[in-house]
Amino acid sequence: MGRRTELHGELLELAPKAYYQPPTNIKMAYPCFRYDRSKIKAEYADNKIYQKYDCYSLKYISPTVADYKVDEILEHFKYCHFDRHYVADGLHHYTFDLFY
């Protein structure tokens, strides 16, 4: 759980709010990050797990176009990949795969 709370702190450096697996009854404030763990990448050596990375599905959500934020996020996190951008309910969603 410690790594996820570290990630949460880093996300708060980049946006005013961050939500981990928010329930549907939560009203999110924008701009914000919404993230959840999607998979685990494990590297093996000597028949044991040598290194493990949690993969998070990360979304930056903003009411305005925030293309500059994509570069800021990619520069901040070493193992982060931009996936796509889409607009839903008048909000811009920037999605990433983040190994942390």
N, C-alpha and C. Protein backbone atom coordinates (compact mmCIF):
# COMPACT_ATOMS: atom_id res chain seq x y z
N MET A 1 0.82 -1.19 0.00
CA MET A 1 0.00 0.00 0.00
C MET A 1 0.86 1.25 0.00
N GLY A 2 2.09 1.17 0.48
CA GLY A 2 2.97 2.33 0.56
C GLY A 2 3.28 2.93 -0.79
N ARG A 3 3.52 2.09 -1.79
CA ARG A 3 3.84 2.60 -3.13
C ARG A 3 2.66 3.38 -3.72
N ARG A 4 1.44 2.90 -3.50
CA ARG A 4 0.28 3.60 -4.04
C ARG A 4 0.11 4.96 -3.38
N THR A 5 0.35 5.05 -2.10
CA THR A 5 0.23 6.35 -1.44
C THR A 5 1.34 7.30 -1.90
N GLU A 6 2.51 6.76 -2.21
CA GLU A 6 3.58 7.59 -2.79
C GLU A 6 3.14 8.13 -4.15
N LEU A 7 2.56 7.25 -4.96
CA LEU A 7 2.06 7.67 -6.26
C LEU A 7 0.99 8.75 -6.09
N HIS A 8 0.10 8.57 -5.15
CA HIS A 8 -0.96 9.55 -4.92
C HIS A 8 -0.36 10.92 -4.60
N GLY A 9 0.68 10.94 -3.77
CA GLY A 9 1.35 12.19 -3.44
C GLY A 9 1.98 12.84 -4.67
N GLU A 10 2.57 12.04 -5.54
CA GLU A 10 3.18 12.59 -6.76
C GLU A 10 2.11 13.14 -7.70
N LEU A 11 0.97 12.48 -7.76
CA LEU A 11 -0.12 12.98 -8.61
C LEU A 11 -0.64 14.33 -8.10
N LEU A 12 -0.68 14.48 -6.78
CA LEU A 12 -1.14 15.74 -6.21
C LEU A 12 -0.16 16.89 -6.48
N GLU A 13 1.09 16.57 -6.81
CA GLU A 13 2.05 17.60 -7.22
C GLU A 13 1.70 18.14 -8.61
N LEU A 14 1.02 17.31 -9.42
CA LEU A 14 0.72 17.67 -10.80
C LEU A 14 -0.71 18.19 -11.01
N ALA A 15 -1.61 17.92 -10.08
CA ALA A 15 -3.00 18.37 -10.19
C ALA A 15 -3.56 18.57 -8.78
N PRO A 16 -4.57 19.43 -8.64
CA PRO A 16 -5.09 19.72 -7.30
C PRO A 16 -5.83 18.55 -6.64
N LYS A 17 -6.36 17.61 -7.42
CA LYS A 17 -7.10 16.47 -6.87
C LYS A 17 -6.68 15.18 -7.56
N ALA A 18 -6.74 14.07 -6.80
CA ALA A 18 -6.48 12.74 -7.34
C ALA A 18 -7.43 11.77 -6.64
N TYR A 19 -8.01 10.86 -7.41
CA TYR A 19 -8.98 9.92 -6.88
C TYR A 19 -8.56 8.51 -7.26
N TYR A 20 -8.46 7.63 -6.25
CA TYR A 20 -8.12 6.23 -6.49
C TYR A 20 -9.41 5.42 -6.40
N GLN A 21 -9.79 4.78 -7.47
CA GLN A 21 -11.00 3.96 -7.56
C GLN A 21 -12.20 4.65 -6.89
N PRO A 22 -12.57 5.84 -7.36
CA PRO A 22 -13.66 6.55 -6.69
C PRO A 22 -15.00 5.85 -6.89
N PRO A 23 -15.82 5.78 -5.83
CA PRO A 23 -17.16 5.21 -5.99
C PRO A 23 -18.02 6.15 -6.83
N THR A 24 -19.12 5.65 -7.35
CA THR A 24 -19.96 6.45 -8.24
C THR A 24 -20.66 7.61 -7.53
N ASN A 25 -20.79 7.55 -6.20
CA ASN A 25 -21.48 8.63 -5.50
C ASN A 25 -20.56 9.82 -5.17
N ILE A 26 -19.29 9.75 -5.54
CA ILE A 26 -18.35 10.84 -5.30
C ILE A 26 -18.45 11.84 -6.44
N LYS A 27 -18.58 13.11 -6.11
CA LYS A 27 -18.56 14.18 -7.12
C LYS A 27 -17.11 14.66 -7.22
N MET A 28 -16.48 14.40 -8.37
CA MET A 28 -15.09 14.78 -8.55
C MET A 28 -14.98 16.25 -8.91
N ALA A 29 -13.91 16.88 -8.43
CA ALA A 29 -13.61 18.27 -8.77
C ALA A 29 -12.53 18.25 -9.86
N TYR A 30 -12.67 19.10 -10.86
CA TYR A 30 -11.76 19.11 -12.01
C TYR A 30 -10.92 20.37 -12.03
N PRO A 31 -9.70 20.31 -12.53
CA PRO A 31 -8.99 19.17 -13.12
C PRO A 31 -8.54 18.19 -12.03
N CYS A 32 -8.39 16.94 -12.43
CA CYS A 32 -8.01 15.91 -11.47
C CYS A 32 -7.43 14.69 -12.18
N PHE A 33 -6.86 13.81 -11.37
CA PHE A 33 -6.46 12.48 -11.83
C PHE A 33 -7.44 11.47 -11.28
N ARG A 34 -7.74 10.47 -12.09
CA ARG A 34 -8.51 9.31 -11.64
C ARG A 34 -7.67 8.10 -12.04
N TYR A 35 -7.44 7.20 -11.11
CA TYR A 35 -6.57 6.06 -11.42
C TYR A 35 -6.99 4.82 -10.66
N ASP A 36 -6.63 3.68 -11.22
CA ASP A 36 -6.82 2.39 -10.55
C ASP A 36 -5.78 1.42 -11.07
N ARG A 37 -5.51 0.41 -10.27
CA ARG A 37 -4.51 -0.58 -10.67
C ARG A 37 -5.14 -1.53 -11.67
N SER A 38 -4.46 -1.71 -12.80
CA SER A 38 -5.02 -2.54 -13.86
C SER A 38 -4.31 -3.88 -14.02
N LYS A 39 -3.02 -3.94 -13.73
CA LYS A 39 -2.29 -5.20 -13.84
C LYS A 39 -0.95 -5.08 -13.11
N ILE A 40 -0.24 -6.20 -13.04
CA ILE A 40 1.09 -6.22 -12.42
C ILE A 40 2.06 -6.81 -13.42
N LYS A 41 3.18 -6.13 -13.63
CA LYS A 41 4.23 -6.64 -14.50
C LYS A 41 5.34 -7.18 -13.61
N ALA A 42 5.71 -8.43 -13.80
CA ALA A 42 6.75 -9.05 -12.99
C ALA A 42 7.90 -9.48 -13.88
N GLU A 43 9.11 -9.26 -13.41
CA GLU A 43 10.31 -9.73 -14.09
C GLU A 43 10.92 -10.82 -13.23
N TYR A 44 11.32 -11.91 -13.87
CA TYR A 44 11.81 -13.07 -13.13
C TYR A 44 13.30 -13.28 -13.35
N ALA A 45 13.95 -13.80 -12.32
CA ALA A 45 15.34 -14.22 -12.38
C ALA A 45 15.52 -15.34 -11.36
N ASP A 46 16.22 -16.39 -11.76
CA ASP A 46 16.46 -17.52 -10.87
C ASP A 46 15.15 -18.11 -10.34
N ASN A 47 14.14 -18.18 -11.21
CA ASN A 47 12.83 -18.74 -10.88
C ASN A 47 12.11 -18.01 -9.75
N LYS A 48 12.44 -16.74 -9.56
CA LYS A 48 11.78 -15.91 -8.54
C LYS A 48 11.44 -14.56 -9.15
N ILE A 49 10.50 -13.88 -8.53
CA ILE A 49 10.20 -12.52 -8.99
C ILE A 49 11.37 -11.63 -8.59
N TYR A 50 11.98 -11.03 -9.60
CA TYR A 50 13.12 -10.16 -9.40
C TYR A 50 12.67 -8.71 -9.16
N GLN A 51 11.73 -8.29 -9.95
CA GLN A 51 11.21 -6.93 -9.84
C GLN A 51 9.74 -6.93 -10.22
N LYS A 52 8.96 -6.09 -9.56
CA LYS A 52 7.53 -6.05 -9.80
C LYS A 52 7.09 -4.60 -9.95
N TYR A 53 6.27 -4.36 -10.97
CA TYR A 53 5.71 -3.02 -11.18
C TYR A 53 4.18 -3.14 -11.24
N ASP A 54 3.51 -2.29 -10.50
CA ASP A 54 2.07 -2.20 -10.62
C ASP A 54 1.77 -1.30 -11.81
N CYS A 55 0.82 -1.70 -12.63
CA CYS A 55 0.41 -0.87 -13.76
C CYS A 55 -0.91 -0.21 -13.40
N TYR A 56 -0.94 1.09 -13.52
CA TYR A 56 -2.13 1.86 -13.22
C TYR A 56 -2.72 2.43 -14.50
N SER A 57 -4.03 2.38 -14.58
CA SER A 57 -4.75 3.06 -15.64
C SER A 57 -4.99 4.47 -15.09
N LEU A 58 -4.36 5.45 -15.71
CA LEU A 58 -4.37 6.82 -15.21
C LEU A 58 -5.09 7.72 -16.19
N LYS A 59 -6.00 8.56 -15.68
CA LYS A 59 -6.70 9.54 -16.51
C LYS A 59 -6.52 10.92 -15.90
N TYR A 60 -6.12 11.85 -16.74
CA TYR A 60 -6.14 13.26 -16.36
C TYR A 60 -7.40 13.83 -16.97
N ILE A 61 -8.28 14.39 -16.15
CA ILE A 61 -9.57 14.90 -16.61
C ILE A 61 -9.62 16.39 -16.37
N SER A 62 -9.97 17.14 -17.42
CA SER A 62 -9.98 18.60 -17.34
C SER A 62 -11.16 19.17 -18.13
N PRO A 63 -11.77 20.25 -17.65
CA PRO A 63 -12.85 20.87 -18.42
C PRO A 63 -12.34 21.63 -19.64
N THR A 64 -11.04 21.89 -19.71
CA THR A 64 -10.45 22.61 -20.84
C THR A 64 -9.38 21.74 -21.50
N VAL A 65 -9.01 22.09 -22.71
CA VAL A 65 -7.93 21.38 -23.40
C VAL A 65 -6.64 21.59 -22.61
N ALA A 66 -5.94 20.49 -22.33
CA ALA A 66 -4.73 20.57 -21.51
C ALA A 66 -3.63 19.72 -22.12
N ASP A 67 -3.35 19.94 -23.42
CA ASP A 67 -2.33 19.16 -24.10
C ASP A 67 -0.95 19.29 -23.45
N TYR A 68 -0.66 20.44 -22.86
CA TYR A 68 0.62 20.64 -22.19
C TYR A 68 0.80 19.66 -21.02
N LYS A 69 -0.31 19.21 -20.43
CA LYS A 69 -0.25 18.31 -19.28
C LYS A 69 0.30 16.95 -19.69
N VAL A 70 0.06 16.54 -20.93
CA VAL A 70 0.58 15.25 -21.42
C VAL A 70 2.10 15.24 -21.31
N ASP A 71 2.74 16.29 -21.80
CA ASP A 71 4.20 16.36 -21.72
C ASP A 71 4.68 16.41 -20.27
N GLU A 72 3.98 17.15 -19.44
CA GLU A 72 4.36 17.27 -18.03
C GLU A 72 4.29 15.91 -17.32
N ILE A 73 3.25 15.15 -17.59
CA ILE A 73 3.09 13.83 -16.97
C ILE A 73 4.15 12.86 -17.48
N LEU A 74 4.39 12.85 -18.80
CA LEU A 74 5.39 11.96 -19.38
C LEU A 74 6.80 12.28 -18.89
N GLU A 75 7.09 13.55 -18.65
CA GLU A 75 8.41 13.93 -18.14
C GLU A 75 8.55 13.58 -16.66
N HIS A 76 7.45 13.60 -15.93
CA HIS A 76 7.51 13.35 -14.49
C HIS A 76 7.70 11.85 -14.17
N PHE A 77 7.02 10.99 -14.92
CA PHE A 77 7.06 9.55 -14.63
C PHE A 77 7.91 8.83 -15.66
N LYS A 78 8.83 8.02 -15.19
CA LYS A 78 9.78 7.32 -16.05
C LYS A 78 9.11 6.26 -16.93
N TYR A 79 8.18 5.51 -16.37
CA TYR A 79 7.54 4.40 -17.09
C TYR A 79 6.06 4.72 -17.33
N CYS A 80 5.83 5.72 -18.13
CA CYS A 80 4.47 6.16 -18.41
C CYS A 80 4.29 6.27 -19.92
N HIS A 81 3.14 5.80 -20.41
CA HIS A 81 2.85 5.82 -21.84
C HIS A 81 1.49 6.47 -22.08
N PHE A 82 1.46 7.44 -22.96
CA PHE A 82 0.20 8.08 -23.34
C PHE A 82 -0.59 7.13 -24.21
N ASP A 83 -1.88 6.99 -23.91
CA ASP A 83 -2.74 6.09 -24.68
C ASP A 83 -3.61 6.87 -25.66
N ARG A 84 -4.47 7.75 -25.15
CA ARG A 84 -5.35 8.48 -26.05
C ARG A 84 -6.01 9.65 -25.34
N HIS A 85 -6.70 10.47 -26.14
CA HIS A 85 -7.46 11.60 -25.66
C HIS A 85 -8.88 11.45 -26.19
N TYR A 86 -9.86 11.74 -25.34
CA TYR A 86 -11.24 11.77 -25.80
C TYR A 86 -12.02 12.76 -24.96
N VAL A 87 -13.17 13.16 -25.49
CA VAL A 87 -14.05 14.10 -24.78
C VAL A 87 -15.34 13.38 -24.44
N ALA A 88 -15.75 13.46 -23.17
CA ALA A 88 -17.01 12.87 -22.71
C ALA A 88 -17.65 13.82 -21.71
N ASP A 89 -18.91 14.08 -21.87
CA ASP A 89 -19.65 14.98 -20.98
C ASP A 89 -19.00 16.35 -20.88
N GLY A 90 -18.40 16.81 -21.97
CA GLY A 90 -17.77 18.13 -21.99
C GLY A 90 -16.44 18.19 -21.26
N LEU A 91 -15.89 17.03 -20.88
CA LEU A 91 -14.61 16.98 -20.18
C LEU A 91 -13.57 16.29 -21.06
N HIS A 92 -12.36 16.81 -21.04
CA HIS A 92 -11.25 16.21 -21.79
C HIS A 92 -10.58 15.16 -20.92
N HIS A 93 -10.46 13.95 -21.47
CA HIS A 93 -9.83 12.83 -20.77
C HIS A 93 -8.54 12.47 -21.49
N TYR A 94 -7.44 12.46 -20.77
CA TYR A 94 -6.14 12.04 -21.30
C TYR A 94 -5.77 10.76 -20.56
N THR A 95 -5.63 9.65 -21.28
CA THR A 95 -5.41 8.37 -20.60
C THR A 95 -3.96 7.90 -20.79
N PHE A 96 -3.46 7.26 -19.75
CA PHE A 96 -2.07 6.80 -19.71
C PHE A 96 -2.03 5.41 -19.09
N ASP A 97 -0.98 4.65 -19.42
CA ASP A 97 -0.60 3.44 -18.70
C ASP A 97 0.64 3.81 -17.92
N LEU A 98 0.58 3.65 -16.62
CA LEU A 98 1.67 4.07 -15.74
C LEU A 98 2.16 2.87 -14.94
N PHE A 99 3.44 2.50 -15.13
CA PHE A 99 4.05 1.46 -14.32
C PHE A 99 4.78 2.15 -13.17
N TYR A 100 4.40 1.79 -11.95
CA TYR A 100 4.97 2.48 -10.78
C TYR A 100 5.33 1.47 -9.72
